[in-house]
Amino acid sequence: MGVIRSSADDYTRHLYKLLPQGPAWPVEGDNASSRALPPVGAALQSMHARAEQLIEEADARTTSELLDDFERVVGLPDPCLDPATSTAERRRRVVQRLTYQGGQSVAFFTSFLAALGYAGITVTEFRPMKCNSKCNAALNQGGWRYGWRVSVPTSAVKKVMTVRGRCNDPLASWGDPGLACLLAVHKPAHTRLFVAYGV
């Protein structure tokens, strides 16, 4: 069943029906009522349409006029991400923020980063070796209890020092600042995070 939309003529007819009855309030012919009521009906229909549009604007998935307000409320634009290039992308990021529940598991970080376009990422948790560990387990010391690594399969942007570089430039630097920023914000606070690129 479709939505029945009221037109300006519908509102005008309703206004005519609300007029008192009698010769002082004619409803036919050229008179004050026929000149005054149609503009009022058009204004009421316009208000009705704007009220219906508010329902669409109240939903982050369909908003246009209130998109700036939604972004302000959820803390966008995100300093860790490149600016959104389309309205659809802005809406997607708002919805993602509103539905974000967080987590600390490997599955959470894998799906969270995949949703942001970082596919194929693996997470490795480091555990200190104990007497009942496997004989081929890594000899991690106690400080690695809360260490973990995110391995990015794609090669990261790498800069190599050249003869034109400054004397205090590193010999080589690489990484994805956006990914590092996101992980720093969302990682459990007590953990030590390492990011490996091109693994």
C-alpha atoms as a PDB file:
ATOM      1  CA  MET A   1       0.000   0.000   0.000  1.00  0.00           C
ATOM      2  CA  GLY A   2       1.525   3.302  -1.137  1.00  0.00           C
ATOM      3  CA  VAL A   3       1.791   6.488   0.877  1.00  0.00           C
ATOM      4  CA  ILE A   4      -1.038   8.932   0.139  1.00  0.00           C
ATOM      5  CA  ARG A   5       0.376  12.430  -0.309  1.00  0.00           C
ATOM      6  CA  SER A   6      -1.832  15.452   0.404  1.00  0.00           C
ATOM      7  CA  SER A   7      -1.715  18.133  -2.268  1.00  0.00           C
ATOM      8  CA  ALA A   8      -2.153  21.893  -1.917  1.00  0.00           C
ATOM      9  CA  ASP A   9      -5.659  21.495  -3.409  1.00  0.00           C
ATOM     10  CA  ASP A  10      -6.516  18.932  -0.712  1.00  0.00           C
ATOM     11  CA  TYR A  11      -5.538  21.385   2.016  1.00  0.00           C
ATOM     12  CA  THR A  12      -7.485  24.183   0.309  1.00  0.00           C
ATOM     13  CA  ARG A  13     -10.630  22.017   0.146  1.00  0.00           C
ATOM     14  CA  HIS A  14     -10.267  21.230   3.860  1.00  0.00           C
ATOM     15  CA  LEU A  15      -9.928  24.925   4.633  1.00  0.00           C
ATOM     16  CA  TYR A  16     -13.119  25.672   2.706  1.00  0.00           C
ATOM     17  CA  LYS A  17     -14.936  23.050   4.790  1.00  0.00           C
ATOM     18  CA  LEU A  18     -13.740  24.741   7.974  1.00  0.00           C
ATOM     19  CA  LEU A  19     -15.302  28.092   7.034  1.00  0.00           C
ATOM     20  CA  PRO A  20     -18.511  29.118   8.834  1.00  0.00           C
ATOM     21  CA  GLN A  21     -21.650  28.633   6.771  1.00  0.00           C
ATOM     22  CA  GLY A  22     -23.756  31.534   5.551  1.00  0.00           C
ATOM     23  CA  PRO A  23     -23.898  34.266   2.922  1.00  0.00           C
ATOM     24  CA  ALA A  24     -21.006  36.148   4.515  1.00  0.00           C
ATOM     25  CA  TRP A  25     -18.645  33.222   3.652  1.00  0.00           C
ATOM     26  CA  PRO A  26     -19.172  32.331  -0.009  1.00  0.00           C
ATOM     27  CA  VAL A  27     -17.245  29.305  -1.265  1.00  0.00           C
ATOM     28  CA  GLU A  28     -17.797  29.832  -4.980  1.00  0.00           C
ATOM     29  CA  GLY A  29     -16.914  32.643  -7.346  1.00  0.00           C
ATOM     30  CA  ASP A  30     -14.302  35.354  -7.080  1.00  0.00           C
ATOM     31  CA  ASN A  31     -14.278  36.511  -3.468  1.00  0.00           C
ATOM     32  CA  ALA A  32     -11.930  37.056  -0.520  1.00  0.00           C
ATOM     33  CA  SER A  33     -12.064  33.374   0.473  1.00  0.00           C
ATOM     34  CA  SER A  34     -11.127  32.116  -3.000  1.00  0.00           C
ATOM     35  CA  ARG A  35      -8.148  34.473  -3.067  1.00  0.00           C
ATOM     36  CA  ALA A  36      -6.925  33.919   0.527  1.00  0.00           C
ATOM     37  CA  LEU A  37      -7.320  30.176   1.076  1.00  0.00           C
ATOM     38  CA  PRO A  38      -5.297  28.639  -1.829  1.00  0.00           C
ATOM     39  CA  PRO A  39      -1.994  30.246  -0.705  1.00  0.00           C
ATOM     40  CA  VAL A  40      -2.660  29.043   2.857  1.00  0.00           C
ATOM     41  CA  GLY A  41      -3.359  25.535   1.517  1.00  0.00           C
ATOM     42  CA  ALA A  42      -0.083  25.602  -0.436  1.00  0.00           C
ATOM     43  CA  ALA A  43       1.807  26.690   2.689  1.00  0.00           C
ATOM     44  CA  LEU A  44       0.238  23.899   4.768  1.00  0.00           C
ATOM     45  CA  GLN A  45       1.117  21.333   2.097  1.00  0.00           C
ATOM     46  CA  SER A  46       4.718  22.603   2.063  1.00  0.00           C
ATOM     47  CA  MET A  47       4.911  22.261   5.868  1.00  0.00           C
ATOM     48  CA  HIS A  48       3.480  18.742   5.597  1.00  0.00           C
ATOM     49  CA  ALA A  49       6.131  17.783   3.023  1.00  0.00           C
ATOM     50  CA  ARG A  50       8.928  19.175   5.203  1.00  0.00           C
ATOM     51  CA  ALA A  51       7.589  17.238   8.211  1.00  0.00           C
ATOM     52  CA  GLU A  52       7.656  14.022   6.171  1.00  0.00           C
ATOM     53  CA  GLN A  53      11.175  14.829   5.012  1.00  0.00           C
ATOM     54  CA  LEU A  54      12.246  15.129   8.647  1.00  0.00           C
ATOM     55  CA  ILE A  55      11.606  11.387   9.016  1.00  0.00           C
ATOM     56  CA  GLU A  56      14.188  10.753   6.283  1.00  0.00           C
ATOM     57  CA  GLU A  57      16.594  13.257   7.824  1.00  0.00           C
ATOM     58  CA  ALA A  58      16.358  11.600  11.255  1.00  0.00           C
ATOM     59  CA  ASP A  59      17.848   8.400   9.785  1.00  0.00           C
ATOM     60  CA  ALA A  60      21.625   8.533   9.305  1.00  0.00           C
ATOM     61  CA  ARG A  61      21.338   6.187   6.307  1.00  0.00           C
ATOM     62  CA  THR A  62      19.203   8.652   4.305  1.00  0.00           C
ATOM     63  CA  THR A  63      20.033  12.067   5.753  1.00  0.00           C
ATOM     64  CA  SER A  64      21.268  14.956   3.632  1.00  0.00           C
ATOM     65  CA  GLU A  65      20.541  18.231   5.391  1.00  0.00           C
ATOM     66  CA  LEU A  66      21.423  16.914   8.854  1.00  0.00           C
ATOM     67  CA  LEU A  67      24.563  15.039   7.749  1.00  0.00           C
ATOM     68  CA  ASP A  68      26.863  17.750   9.154  1.00  0.00           C
ATOM     69  CA  ASP A  69      25.097  17.493  12.528  1.00  0.00           C
ATOM     70  CA  PHE A  70      25.364  13.693  12.565  1.00  0.00           C
ATOM     71  CA  GLU A  71      29.094  13.948  11.832  1.00  0.00           C
ATOM     72  CA  ARG A  72      29.600  16.493  14.613  1.00  0.00           C
ATOM     73  CA  VAL A  73      27.767  14.282  17.133  1.00  0.00           C
ATOM     74  CA  VAL A  74      29.791  11.132  16.330  1.00  0.00           C
ATOM     75  CA  GLY A  75      33.145  12.918  16.064  1.00  0.00           C
ATOM     76  CA  LEU A  76      33.701  12.952  12.316  1.00  0.00           C
ATOM     77  CA  PRO A  77      35.680  13.576  10.238  1.00  0.00           C
ATOM     78  CA  ASP A  78      38.079  11.070  11.759  1.00  0.00           C
ATOM     79  CA  PRO A  79      41.675  12.360  11.938  1.00  0.00           C
ATOM     80  CA  CYS A  80      42.876   8.820  11.207  1.00  0.00           C
ATOM     81  CA  LEU A  81      41.068   8.518   7.876  1.00  0.00           C
ATOM     82  CA  ASP A  82      41.286  10.377   4.587  1.00  0.00           C
ATOM     83  CA  PRO A  83      38.335  12.739   4.059  1.00  0.00           C
ATOM     84  CA  ALA A  84      35.240  11.087   2.567  1.00  0.00           C
ATOM     85  CA  THR A  85      34.850  11.870  -1.134  1.00  0.00           C
ATOM     86  CA  SER A  86      31.080  11.381  -1.453  1.00  0.00           C
ATOM     87  CA  THR A  87      27.879  11.846   0.516  1.00  0.00           C
ATOM     88  CA  ALA A  88      27.305   8.080   0.484  1.00  0.00           C
ATOM     89  CA  GLU A  89      30.733   7.507   2.048  1.00  0.00           C
ATOM     90  CA  ARG A  90      30.038  10.163   4.698  1.00  0.00           C
ATOM     91  CA  ARG A  91      26.745   8.453   5.551  1.00  0.00           C
ATOM     92  CA  ARG A  92      28.477   5.055   5.729  1.00  0.00           C
ATOM     93  CA  ARG A  93      31.030   6.380   8.201  1.00  0.00           C
ATOM     94  CA  VAL A  94      28.305   7.953  10.366  1.00  0.00           C
ATOM     95  CA  VAL A  95      26.329   4.689  10.429  1.00  0.00           C
ATOM     96  CA  GLN A  96      29.506   2.767  11.249  1.00  0.00           C
ATOM     97  CA  ARG A  97      30.181   5.070  14.209  1.00  0.00           C
ATOM     98  CA  LEU A  98      26.601   4.815  15.466  1.00  0.00           C
ATOM     99  CA  THR A  99      26.564   1.013  15.277  1.00  0.00           C
ATOM    100  CA  TYR A 100      30.149   0.484  16.475  1.00  0.00           C
ATOM    101  CA  GLN A 101      30.239  -1.727  19.578  1.00  0.00           C
ATOM    102  CA  GLY A 102      33.975  -2.224  20.021  1.00  0.00           C
ATOM    103  CA  GLY A 103      35.835  -5.323  21.061  1.00  0.00           C
ATOM    104  CA  GLN A 104      39.217  -6.744  22.005  1.00  0.00           C
ATOM    105  CA  SER A 105      39.311 -10.066  20.179  1.00  0.00           C
ATOM    106  CA  VAL A 106      41.307 -11.022  17.110  1.00  0.00           C
ATOM    107  CA  ALA A 107      38.048 -11.534  15.210  1.00  0.00           C
ATOM    108  CA  PHE A 108      36.916  -8.020  16.084  1.00  0.00           C
ATOM    109  CA  PHE A 109      40.080  -6.336  14.808  1.00  0.00           C
ATOM    110  CA  THR A 110      40.132  -8.458  11.643  1.00  0.00           C
ATOM    111  CA  SER A 111      36.523  -7.561  10.751  1.00  0.00           C
ATOM    112  CA  PHE A 112      36.877  -3.936  11.895  1.00  0.00           C
ATOM    113  CA  LEU A 113      39.894  -3.321   9.649  1.00  0.00           C
ATOM    114  CA  ALA A 114      38.363  -5.281   6.767  1.00  0.00           C
ATOM    115  CA  ALA A 115      35.328  -2.960   6.893  1.00  0.00           C
ATOM    116  CA  LEU A 116      37.719  -0.021   6.495  1.00  0.00           C
ATOM    117  CA  GLY A 117      39.336  -1.549   3.417  1.00  0.00           C
ATOM    118  CA  TYR A 118      42.305  -3.338   5.030  1.00  0.00           C
ATOM    119  CA  ALA A 119      41.630  -6.874   3.778  1.00  0.00           C
ATOM    120  CA  GLY A 120      43.754  -9.924   4.568  1.00  0.00           C
ATOM    121  CA  ILE A 121      45.160  -8.603   7.844  1.00  0.00           C
ATOM    122  CA  THR A 122      46.341 -11.150  10.379  1.00  0.00           C
ATOM    123  CA  VAL A 123      46.764 -10.655  14.107  1.00  0.00           C
ATOM    124  CA  THR A 124      49.426 -12.431  16.159  1.00  0.00           C
ATOM    125  CA  GLU A 125      49.318 -12.472  19.956  1.00  0.00           C
ATOM    126  CA  PHE A 126      52.619 -12.953  21.766  1.00  0.00           C
ATOM    127  CA  ARG A 127      52.647 -15.106  24.889  1.00  0.00           C
ATOM    128  CA  PRO A 128      55.552 -15.568  27.278  1.00  0.00           C
ATOM    129  CA  MET A 129      57.017 -19.062  27.242  1.00  0.00           C
ATOM    130  CA  LYS A 130      56.045 -21.240  30.195  1.00  0.00           C
ATOM    131  CA  CYS A 131      57.205 -24.619  31.392  1.00  0.00           C
ATOM    132  CA  ASN A 132      54.206 -26.289  29.743  1.00  0.00           C
ATOM    133  CA  SER A 133      54.626 -24.440  26.402  1.00  0.00           C
ATOM    134  CA  LYS A 134      55.497 -26.344  23.259  1.00  0.00           C
ATOM    135  CA  CYS A 135      59.201 -26.903  22.744  1.00  0.00           C
ATOM    136  CA  ASN A 136      59.166 -24.873  19.513  1.00  0.00           C
ATOM    137  CA  ALA A 137      57.316 -21.897  21.071  1.00  0.00           C
ATOM    138  CA  ALA A 138      59.024 -18.504  20.955  1.00  0.00           C
ATOM    139  CA  LEU A 139      61.147 -17.556  23.971  1.00  0.00           C
ATOM    140  CA  ASN A 140      59.138 -14.425  24.738  1.00  0.00           C
ATOM    141  CA  GLN A 141      59.844 -12.838  28.075  1.00  0.00           C
ATOM    142  CA  GLY A 142      57.222 -11.586  30.526  1.00  0.00           C
ATOM    143  CA  GLY A 143      57.049  -8.156  28.920  1.00  0.00           C
ATOM    144  CA  TRP A 144      55.424  -9.736  25.860  1.00  0.00           C
ATOM    145  CA  ARG A 145      52.398 -10.851  27.847  1.00  0.00           C
ATOM    146  CA  TYR A 146      50.359  -8.010  26.359  1.00  0.00           C
ATOM    147  CA  GLY A 147      52.156  -7.706  23.019  1.00  0.00           C
ATOM    148  CA  TRP A 148      50.449  -8.300  19.672  1.00  0.00           C
ATOM    149  CA  ARG A 149      51.185  -7.649  16.025  1.00  0.00           C
ATOM    150  CA  VAL A 150      48.999  -6.670  13.094  1.00  0.00           C
ATOM    151  CA  SER A 151      50.443  -7.917   9.797  1.00  0.00           C
ATOM    152  CA  VAL A 152      49.417  -5.997   6.680  1.00  0.00           C
ATOM    153  CA  PRO A 153      49.843  -8.096   3.513  1.00  0.00           C
ATOM    154  CA  THR A 154      50.171  -5.167   1.118  1.00  0.00           C
ATOM    155  CA  SER A 155      53.456  -3.357   0.858  1.00  0.00           C
ATOM    156  CA  ALA A 156      53.395  -0.043   2.655  1.00  0.00           C
ATOM    157  CA  VAL A 157      54.600   3.264   1.362  1.00  0.00           C
ATOM    158  CA  LYS A 158      58.354   3.264   1.858  1.00  0.00           C
ATOM    159  CA  LYS A 159      60.668   6.260   1.756  1.00  0.00           C
ATOM    160  CA  VAL A 160      64.398   5.781   1.404  1.00  0.00           C
ATOM    161  CA  MET A 161      66.955   8.455   2.258  1.00  0.00           C
ATOM    162  CA  THR A 162      68.630  10.024  -0.765  1.00  0.00           C
ATOM    163  CA  VAL A 163      71.681  12.260  -1.176  1.00  0.00           C
ATOM    164  CA  ARG A 164      69.331  15.238  -1.066  1.00  0.00           C
ATOM    165  CA  GLY A 165      67.892  14.209   2.289  1.00  0.00           C
ATOM    166  CA  ARG A 166      68.616  16.015   5.533  1.00  0.00           C
ATOM    167  CA  CYS A 167      71.287  14.621   7.810  1.00  0.00           C
ATOM    168  CA  ASN A 168      68.726  13.783  10.505  1.00  0.00           C
ATOM    169  CA  ASP A 169      66.362  11.924   8.109  1.00  0.00           C
ATOM    170  CA  PRO A 170      66.023   8.178   8.779  1.00  0.00           C
ATOM    171  CA  LEU A 171      67.748   5.834   6.332  1.00  0.00           C
ATOM    172  CA  ALA A 172      64.340   4.382   5.537  1.00  0.00           C
ATOM    173  CA  SER A 173      60.811   4.890   6.792  1.00  0.00           C
ATOM    174  CA  TRP A 174      57.576   3.129   5.949  1.00  0.00           C
ATOM    175  CA  GLY A 175      54.104   2.653   7.265  1.00  0.00           C
ATOM    176  CA  ASP A 176      50.468   3.626   6.968  1.00  0.00           C
ATOM    177  CA  PRO A 177      49.782   6.566   9.307  1.00  0.00           C
ATOM    178  CA  GLY A 178      46.012   6.107   9.024  1.00  0.00           C
ATOM    179  CA  LEU A 179      46.166   2.452  10.045  1.00  0.00           C
ATOM    180  CA  ALA A 180      48.594   3.163  12.894  1.00  0.00           C
ATOM    181  CA  CYS A 181      46.296   5.948  14.144  1.00  0.00           C
ATOM    182  CA  LEU A 182      43.195   3.718  14.047  1.00  0.00           C
ATOM    183  CA  LEU A 183      44.926   0.905  15.880  1.00  0.00           C
ATOM    184  CA  ALA A 184      46.300   3.275  18.527  1.00  0.00           C
ATOM    185  CA  VAL A 185      42.786   4.596  19.179  1.00  0.00           C
ATOM    186  CA  HIS A 186      41.006   1.223  19.285  1.00  0.00           C
ATOM    187  CA  LYS A 187      43.579  -1.119  20.811  1.00  0.00           C
ATOM    188  CA  PRO A 188      43.183  -2.231  24.427  1.00  0.00           C
ATOM    189  CA  ALA A 189      44.953   0.387  26.547  1.00  0.00           C
ATOM    190  CA  HIS A 190      47.207  -2.045  28.421  1.00  0.00           C
ATOM    191  CA  THR A 191      48.664  -3.698  25.309  1.00  0.00           C
ATOM    192  CA  ARG A 192      51.785  -3.101  23.220  1.00  0.00           C
ATOM    193  CA  LEU A 193      51.029  -3.005  19.512  1.00  0.00           C
ATOM    194  CA  PHE A 194      53.371  -3.663  16.591  1.00  0.00           C
ATOM    195  CA  VAL A 195      52.469  -3.260  12.912  1.00  0.00           C
ATOM    196  CA  ALA A 196      54.265  -5.272  10.234  1.00  0.00           C
ATOM    197  CA  TYR A 197      53.970  -4.279   6.572  1.00  0.00           C
ATOM    198  CA  GLY A 198      54.282  -6.449   3.478  1.00  0.00           C
ATOM    199  CA  VAL A 199      54.054  -9.663   5.494  1.00  0.00           C
END
